[in-house]
Amino acid sequence: MARRRGMSWRRRGDASLRILAAMPVGYAVASLWAMALARLLPMTPAGATVTATMIAFVLCAGAAMWAYAARSGWRALWTLLVAGAVAGAIAWLSIEMGGRA
């Protein structure tokens, strides 16, 4: 009986990291940027929210594309996590400094 040749564990892990980076992490990064941009855009609160949400749709698609275009799954994951941390820090600083609520 011949051995089945499948994906190695390394390739499975890389594919799993890319899926993790593309779907839940990409969505979280886009949500954090929407929150940060809604607080920073110089518009009415409603206009800033709508504009930031539309930009977040593009960012979510871009994050998913980046997850599969990156050199490795780990690189895709950590770069998206850094982008999310930056957006979270911007939003947090805006709230702490008494920015738009």
N, C-alpha and C. Protein backbone atom coordinates (compact mmCIF):
# COMPACT_ATOMS: atom_id res chain seq x y z
N MET A 1 0.83 -1.17 0.00
CA MET A 1 0.00 0.00 0.00
C MET A 1 0.88 1.24 0.00
N ALA A 2 0.64 2.14 -0.90
CA ALA A 2 1.47 3.33 -1.05
C ALA A 2 1.08 4.38 -0.01
N ARG A 3 2.09 5.14 0.42
CA ARG A 3 1.83 6.22 1.36
C ARG A 3 1.21 7.40 0.64
N ARG A 4 0.26 7.99 1.27
CA ARG A 4 -0.36 9.18 0.69
C ARG A 4 0.55 10.37 0.93
N ARG A 5 0.72 11.12 -0.11
CA ARG A 5 1.55 12.32 0.03
C ARG A 5 0.62 13.51 0.21
N GLY A 6 0.74 14.14 1.33
CA GLY A 6 -0.10 15.30 1.63
C GLY A 6 0.77 16.49 1.98
N MET A 7 0.13 17.47 2.50
CA MET A 7 0.87 18.65 2.93
C MET A 7 1.67 18.33 4.18
N SER A 8 2.86 18.90 4.27
CA SER A 8 3.66 18.71 5.47
C SER A 8 3.07 19.56 6.59
N TRP A 9 3.49 19.27 7.79
CA TRP A 9 2.99 20.02 8.95
C TRP A 9 3.39 21.48 8.85
N ARG A 10 4.56 21.75 8.31
CA ARG A 10 5.01 23.14 8.17
C ARG A 10 4.09 23.91 7.22
N ARG A 11 3.72 23.30 6.12
CA ARG A 11 2.83 23.97 5.16
C ARG A 11 1.43 24.11 5.72
N ARG A 12 0.99 23.12 6.48
CA ARG A 12 -0.34 23.23 7.12
C ARG A 12 -0.36 24.36 8.14
N GLY A 13 0.70 24.46 8.92
CA GLY A 13 0.79 25.54 9.90
C GLY A 13 0.82 26.90 9.24
N ASP A 14 1.58 27.02 8.15
CA ASP A 14 1.65 28.28 7.43
C ASP A 14 0.29 28.66 6.85
N ALA A 15 -0.40 27.69 6.29
CA ALA A 15 -1.74 27.95 5.75
C ALA A 15 -2.71 28.34 6.87
N SER A 16 -2.59 27.71 8.02
CA SER A 16 -3.46 28.05 9.15
C SER A 16 -3.20 29.46 9.65
N LEU A 17 -1.93 29.86 9.70
CA LEU A 17 -1.61 31.21 10.13
C LEU A 17 -2.13 32.25 9.15
N ARG A 18 -2.06 31.93 7.88
CA ARG A 18 -2.58 32.87 6.86
C ARG A 18 -4.10 33.02 6.98
N ILE A 19 -4.79 31.91 7.22
CA ILE A 19 -6.24 31.97 7.40
C ILE A 19 -6.58 32.79 8.65
N LEU A 20 -5.84 32.57 9.72
CA LEU A 20 -6.05 33.33 10.96
C LEU A 20 -5.79 34.81 10.73
N ALA A 21 -4.73 35.14 10.00
CA ALA A 21 -4.41 36.54 9.73
C ALA A 21 -5.44 37.17 8.80
N ALA A 22 -5.94 36.41 7.84
CA ALA A 22 -6.86 36.97 6.85
C ALA A 22 -8.23 37.23 7.42
N MET A 23 -8.74 36.30 8.21
CA MET A 23 -10.15 36.43 8.60
C MET A 23 -10.33 37.17 9.92
N PRO A 24 -10.10 36.57 11.07
CA PRO A 24 -10.43 37.31 12.31
C PRO A 24 -9.49 38.47 12.60
N VAL A 25 -8.19 38.31 12.32
CA VAL A 25 -7.25 39.39 12.62
C VAL A 25 -7.45 40.55 11.64
N GLY A 26 -7.66 40.23 10.37
CA GLY A 26 -7.91 41.28 9.39
C GLY A 26 -9.16 42.07 9.71
N TYR A 27 -10.20 41.38 10.16
CA TYR A 27 -11.44 42.06 10.55
C TYR A 27 -11.21 42.95 11.77
N ALA A 28 -10.45 42.46 12.74
CA ALA A 28 -10.18 43.25 13.94
C ALA A 28 -9.35 44.48 13.61
N VAL A 29 -8.36 44.32 12.74
CA VAL A 29 -7.53 45.47 12.34
C VAL A 29 -8.38 46.51 11.63
N ALA A 30 -9.23 46.08 10.72
CA ALA A 30 -10.10 47.02 10.01
C ALA A 30 -11.05 47.72 10.99
N SER A 31 -11.55 47.01 11.97
CA SER A 31 -12.44 47.62 12.96
C SER A 31 -11.71 48.65 13.82
N LEU A 32 -10.49 48.34 14.20
CA LEU A 32 -9.71 49.30 14.99
C LEU A 32 -9.39 50.55 14.19
N TRP A 33 -9.06 50.38 12.91
CA TRP A 33 -8.81 51.56 12.07
C TRP A 33 -10.07 52.36 11.84
N ALA A 34 -11.19 51.70 11.72
CA ALA A 34 -12.46 52.43 11.59
C ALA A 34 -12.72 53.27 12.83
N MET A 35 -12.46 52.70 13.99
CA MET A 35 -12.66 53.43 15.23
C MET A 35 -11.71 54.62 15.33
N ALA A 36 -10.44 54.41 14.98
CA ALA A 36 -9.46 55.48 15.05
C ALA A 36 -9.78 56.59 14.04
N LEU A 37 -10.10 56.20 12.82
CA LEU A 37 -10.38 57.20 11.79
C LEU A 37 -11.67 57.98 12.09
N ALA A 38 -12.66 57.31 12.63
CA ALA A 38 -13.91 58.00 12.96
C ALA A 38 -13.67 59.09 14.00
N ARG A 39 -12.70 58.90 14.85
CA ARG A 39 -12.39 59.90 15.86
C ARG A 39 -11.50 61.01 15.33
N LEU A 40 -10.75 60.75 14.25
CA LEU A 40 -9.77 61.72 13.78
C LEU A 40 -10.19 62.52 12.55
N LEU A 41 -11.10 62.01 11.75
CA LEU A 41 -11.47 62.71 10.53
C LEU A 41 -12.18 64.02 10.85
N PRO A 42 -11.79 65.10 10.16
CA PRO A 42 -12.37 66.41 10.46
C PRO A 42 -13.72 66.62 9.76
N MET A 43 -14.73 65.92 10.23
CA MET A 43 -16.07 66.01 9.67
C MET A 43 -17.07 66.00 10.82
N THR A 44 -18.32 66.01 10.47
CA THR A 44 -19.33 65.79 11.50
C THR A 44 -19.17 64.36 12.01
N PRO A 45 -19.60 64.08 13.22
CA PRO A 45 -19.45 62.71 13.73
C PRO A 45 -20.09 61.65 12.83
N ALA A 46 -21.26 61.93 12.30
CA ALA A 46 -21.92 60.94 11.44
C ALA A 46 -21.16 60.75 10.14
N GLY A 47 -20.70 61.84 9.54
CA GLY A 47 -19.93 61.75 8.29
C GLY A 47 -18.60 61.03 8.50
N ALA A 48 -17.94 61.31 9.62
CA ALA A 48 -16.67 60.65 9.91
C ALA A 48 -16.87 59.15 10.12
N THR A 49 -17.96 58.79 10.77
CA THR A 49 -18.24 57.38 11.00
C THR A 49 -18.50 56.62 9.70
N VAL A 50 -19.29 57.22 8.83
CA VAL A 50 -19.59 56.57 7.55
C VAL A 50 -18.34 56.46 6.70
N THR A 51 -17.56 57.54 6.64
CA THR A 51 -16.33 57.52 5.84
C THR A 51 -15.34 56.51 6.39
N ALA A 52 -15.16 56.46 7.71
CA ALA A 52 -14.23 55.52 8.32
C ALA A 52 -14.68 54.08 8.08
N THR A 53 -15.97 53.82 8.11
CA THR A 53 -16.47 52.47 7.86
C THR A 53 -16.22 52.05 6.42
N MET A 54 -16.41 52.97 5.47
CA MET A 54 -16.14 52.63 4.08
C MET A 54 -14.65 52.36 3.85
N ILE A 55 -13.80 53.14 4.50
CA ILE A 55 -12.36 52.90 4.41
C ILE A 55 -12.01 51.55 5.03
N ALA A 56 -12.69 51.18 6.12
CA ALA A 56 -12.42 49.91 6.79
C ALA A 56 -12.76 48.72 5.90
N PHE A 57 -13.78 48.83 5.04
CA PHE A 57 -14.07 47.74 4.11
C PHE A 57 -12.88 47.49 3.19
N VAL A 58 -12.28 48.56 2.72
CA VAL A 58 -11.10 48.44 1.85
C VAL A 58 -9.93 47.86 2.64
N LEU A 59 -9.74 48.31 3.87
CA LEU A 59 -8.66 47.80 4.70
C LEU A 59 -8.83 46.32 5.01
N CYS A 60 -10.06 45.89 5.23
CA CYS A 60 -10.30 44.47 5.51
C CYS A 60 -9.94 43.61 4.29
N ALA A 61 -10.33 44.06 3.11
CA ALA A 61 -9.96 43.33 1.89
C ALA A 61 -8.44 43.36 1.68
N GLY A 62 -7.83 44.50 1.94
CA GLY A 62 -6.38 44.60 1.82
C GLY A 62 -5.64 43.71 2.81
N ALA A 63 -6.16 43.60 4.02
CA ALA A 63 -5.54 42.73 5.02
C ALA A 63 -5.62 41.27 4.59
N ALA A 64 -6.75 40.87 4.02
CA ALA A 64 -6.88 39.49 3.55
C ALA A 64 -5.91 39.22 2.40
N MET A 65 -5.79 40.18 1.49
CA MET A 65 -4.84 39.99 0.38
C MET A 65 -3.41 39.94 0.89
N TRP A 66 -3.10 40.80 1.88
CA TRP A 66 -1.75 40.80 2.43
C TRP A 66 -1.44 39.46 3.11
N ALA A 67 -2.42 38.88 3.77
CA ALA A 67 -2.19 37.62 4.48
C ALA A 67 -1.73 36.52 3.53
N TYR A 68 -2.19 36.55 2.30
CA TYR A 68 -1.80 35.53 1.34
C TYR A 68 -0.64 35.97 0.45
N ALA A 69 -0.30 37.25 0.45
CA ALA A 69 0.81 37.73 -0.36
C ALA A 69 2.11 37.81 0.43
N ALA A 70 2.04 37.76 1.73
CA ALA A 70 3.23 37.88 2.57
C ALA A 70 4.15 36.69 2.36
N ARG A 71 5.40 36.88 2.71
CA ARG A 71 6.40 35.84 2.51
C ARG A 71 6.13 34.59 3.35
N SER A 72 5.56 34.79 4.54
CA SER A 72 5.23 33.66 5.40
C SER A 72 3.99 33.98 6.22
N GLY A 73 3.42 32.96 6.81
CA GLY A 73 2.25 33.17 7.65
C GLY A 73 2.56 33.98 8.88
N TRP A 74 3.74 33.76 9.47
CA TRP A 74 4.13 34.52 10.65
C TRP A 74 4.28 35.99 10.32
N ARG A 75 4.89 36.31 9.16
CA ARG A 75 5.05 37.71 8.77
C ARG A 75 3.69 38.37 8.55
N ALA A 76 2.78 37.66 7.93
CA ALA A 76 1.44 38.20 7.70
C ALA A 76 0.76 38.49 9.04
N LEU A 77 0.88 37.56 9.97
CA LEU A 77 0.22 37.71 11.26
C LEU A 77 0.80 38.86 12.06
N TRP A 78 2.12 38.93 12.18
CA TRP A 78 2.68 39.97 13.04
C TRP A 78 2.55 41.35 12.44
N THR A 79 2.60 41.49 11.12
CA THR A 79 2.43 42.82 10.54
C THR A 79 0.99 43.32 10.75
N LEU A 80 0.02 42.44 10.63
CA LEU A 80 -1.35 42.84 10.87
C LEU A 80 -1.58 43.15 12.35
N LEU A 81 -0.93 42.40 13.23
CA LEU A 81 -1.06 42.70 14.65
C LEU A 81 -0.44 44.06 15.00
N VAL A 82 0.68 44.40 14.37
CA VAL A 82 1.29 45.71 14.59
C VAL A 82 0.38 46.82 14.07
N ALA A 83 -0.21 46.62 12.89
CA ALA A 83 -1.13 47.62 12.33
C ALA A 83 -2.33 47.81 13.25
N GLY A 84 -2.84 46.73 13.83
CA GLY A 84 -3.94 46.83 14.77
C GLY A 84 -3.54 47.53 16.05
N ALA A 85 -2.33 47.26 16.53
CA ALA A 85 -1.85 47.91 17.75
C ALA A 85 -1.70 49.42 17.54
N VAL A 86 -1.21 49.82 16.37
CA VAL A 86 -1.08 51.25 16.07
C VAL A 86 -2.46 51.92 16.06
N ALA A 87 -3.41 51.29 15.39
CA ALA A 87 -4.77 51.86 15.34
C ALA A 87 -5.39 51.91 16.72
N GLY A 88 -5.21 50.86 17.51
CA GLY A 88 -5.73 50.85 18.87
C GLY A 88 -5.11 51.93 19.73
N ALA A 89 -3.80 52.16 19.56
CA ALA A 89 -3.13 53.21 20.33
C ALA A 89 -3.63 54.59 19.93
N ILE A 90 -3.86 54.79 18.63
CA ILE A 90 -4.39 56.08 18.17
C ILE A 90 -5.77 56.32 18.76
N ALA A 91 -6.63 55.33 18.71
CA ALA A 91 -7.97 55.48 19.26
C ALA A 91 -7.94 55.71 20.77
N TRP A 92 -7.11 54.96 21.46
CA TRP A 92 -7.01 55.10 22.91
C TRP A 92 -6.49 56.49 23.29
N LEU A 93 -5.45 56.97 22.59
CA LEU A 93 -4.92 58.30 22.88
C LEU A 93 -5.96 59.38 22.59
N SER A 94 -6.73 59.20 21.55
CA SER A 94 -7.78 60.16 21.23
C SER A 94 -8.83 60.22 22.35
N ILE A 95 -9.17 59.07 22.87
CA ILE A 95 -10.15 59.02 23.96
C ILE A 95 -9.55 59.65 25.23
N GLU A 96 -8.31 59.33 25.53
CA GLU A 96 -7.67 59.86 26.74
C GLU A 96 -7.47 61.36 26.67
N MET A 97 -7.23 61.89 25.47
CA MET A 97 -7.00 63.32 25.32
C MET A 97 -8.31 64.10 25.18
N GLY A 98 -9.43 63.41 25.29
CA GLY A 98 -10.72 64.08 25.24
C GLY A 98 -11.17 64.41 23.83
N GLY A 99 -10.78 63.56 22.87
CA GLY A 99 -11.19 63.77 21.49
C GLY A 99 -12.67 63.50 21.32
N ARG A 100 -13.08 63.38 20.08
CA ARG A 100 -14.49 63.16 19.77
C ARG A 100 -14.98 61.88 20.44
N ALA A 101 -16.14 61.95 21.04
CA ALA A 101 -16.68 60.79 21.74
C ALA A 101 -17.67 60.03 20.90
